[in-house]
Protein backbone atom coordinates (compact mmCIF):
# COMPACT_ATOMS: atom_id res chain seq x y z
CA MET A 1 116.43 90.93 66.29
CA THR A 2 119.88 90.33 67.71
CA GLY A 3 121.13 86.95 68.73
CA ARG A 4 123.57 86.33 71.48
CA PRO A 5 127.16 87.18 70.64
CA ARG A 6 129.26 84.21 69.67
CA THR A 7 131.94 83.11 72.06
CA ARG A 8 135.59 83.23 71.12
CA LEU A 9 135.68 79.44 70.74
CA GLU A 10 132.63 79.53 68.46
CA ARG A 11 134.34 82.14 66.27
CA VAL A 12 137.49 80.04 66.14
CA ARG A 13 135.48 76.94 65.19
CA ALA A 14 133.74 78.87 62.42
CA SER A 15 137.05 80.22 61.13
CA VAL A 16 138.63 76.76 61.18
CA GLY A 17 135.64 75.48 59.23
CA ILE A 18 136.09 78.17 56.59
CA ALA A 19 139.83 77.45 56.37
CA SER A 20 139.11 73.72 56.07
CA LEU A 21 136.74 74.36 53.19
CA ALA A 22 139.34 76.51 51.45
CA LEU A 23 141.99 73.82 51.91
CA GLN A 24 139.59 71.21 50.56
CA GLN A 25 139.14 73.35 47.45
CA ILE A 26 142.90 73.48 46.97
CA GLU A 27 143.11 69.72 47.49
CA ASP A 28 140.39 69.20 44.89
CA ASP A 29 142.29 71.43 42.44
CA LEU A 30 145.50 69.50 43.09
CA SER A 31 143.67 66.23 42.39
CA ALA A 32 142.45 67.34 38.96
CA ASP A 33 143.67 65.13 36.14
CA ASP A 34 144.75 68.09 34.02
CA VAL A 35 147.20 69.65 36.52
CA ASP A 36 150.62 69.61 34.88
CA GLN A 37 154.01 70.15 36.51
CA GLU A 38 154.08 73.89 35.79
CA GLU A 39 150.66 74.48 37.32
CA LEU A 40 151.48 72.27 40.30
CA ALA A 41 154.65 74.29 40.89
CA ALA A 42 152.63 77.52 40.69
CA ILE A 43 150.12 76.21 43.23
CA LEU A 44 152.92 75.22 45.61
CA ARG A 45 154.50 78.64 45.23
CA GLU A 46 151.16 80.25 46.01
CA LEU A 47 151.17 78.51 49.39
CA ILE A 48 154.50 80.06 50.29
CA GLU A 49 154.82 83.26 48.26
CA ASP A 50 151.38 84.82 48.35
CA THR A 51 151.60 88.54 49.04
CA ASP A 52 148.43 88.72 51.11
CA PRO A 53 149.27 87.82 53.90
CA PRO A 54 152.95 88.56 53.41
CA GLY A 55 154.83 85.31 53.18
CA GLY A 56 151.92 83.18 52.10
CA PHE A 57 149.70 80.64 53.74
CA MET A 58 152.47 78.68 55.46
CA ALA A 59 153.85 81.85 57.05
CA ALA A 60 150.37 82.76 58.26
CA VAL A 61 149.99 79.36 59.97
CA ALA A 62 153.43 79.75 61.55
CA GLN A 63 152.47 83.25 62.77
CA LEU A 64 149.26 81.90 64.29
CA LEU A 65 151.25 79.30 66.22
CA THR A 66 153.73 81.96 67.36
CA VAL A 67 150.90 84.09 68.73
CA ALA A 68 149.52 81.02 70.53
CA ALA A 69 153.00 80.33 71.95
CA ARG A 70 153.33 83.87 73.24
CA ARG A 71 149.97 83.60 74.93
CA ALA A 72 150.90 80.21 76.37
CA GLU A 73 154.02 81.79 77.88
CA GLN A 74 151.74 84.10 79.82
CA VAL A 75 149.21 81.54 81.03
CA GLU A 76 150.96 78.15 81.31
CA PRO A 77 151.34 76.77 84.81
CA ASP A 78 154.75 77.37 86.39
CA ARG A 79 155.85 79.20 83.22
CA ASP A 80 157.95 76.13 82.45
CA GLY A 81 157.56 76.15 78.67
CA ASP A 82 155.69 72.85 78.49
CA ALA A 83 153.08 74.46 76.24
CA SER A 84 154.89 77.39 74.67
CA CYS A 85 158.07 75.60 73.57
CA PRO A 86 156.29 73.01 71.40
CA LEU A 87 154.24 75.80 69.83
CA HIS A 88 157.35 77.84 69.02
CA GLU A 89 158.99 74.71 67.63
CA ALA A 90 155.94 73.92 65.49
CA ALA A 91 156.01 77.45 64.04
CA ALA A 92 159.71 77.10 63.26
CA LEU A 93 159.20 73.69 61.65
CA ILE A 94 156.51 75.09 59.39
CA THR A 95 158.68 78.01 58.34
CA ASP A 96 162.03 76.28 58.12
CA ASN A 97 161.10 72.76 57.06
CA ALA A 98 157.71 72.74 55.39
CA GLY A 99 158.21 76.08 53.67
CA MET A 100 161.62 75.16 52.30
CA ARG A 101 160.39 71.77 51.12
CA LEU A 102 157.57 73.45 49.20
CA ILE A 103 160.13 75.72 47.54
CA TRP A 104 162.34 72.75 46.64
CA ALA A 105 159.40 70.80 45.22
CA ALA A 106 158.23 73.77 43.15
CA ARG A 107 161.74 74.28 41.78
CA ALA A 108 162.02 70.59 40.90
CA LEU A 109 158.73 70.76 39.00
CA HIS A 110 159.29 74.06 37.24
CA PRO A 111 162.59 75.84 37.86
CA GLN A 112 161.83 78.55 35.29
CA GLY A 113 159.15 79.91 37.60
CA ASP A 114 161.70 81.07 40.16
CA ASN A 115 162.36 84.77 40.34
């Protein structure tokens, strides 16, 4: 018995749901009373330094937005950048701003953990 194939949007919704559950787990772990500064720093580093995918979670989100921006460049009306430019900027903000701030916070909590 085979069901109908899921649409692209249904697959995206399912994937976002899985990612949301994973993020909720991380949030729950961060909220634990026994998380000390060293462990908090390690968790923050994991978000930015994980080796799978290269560059960590934040880099993966930035890459996803970059792919969306590239696609928007191809399909946006008048090719004026109204959709693609904000997506490229969002990816850059995640990489440049959010990523660096996570690094700074981790260093402030536990500088010995830096390589």
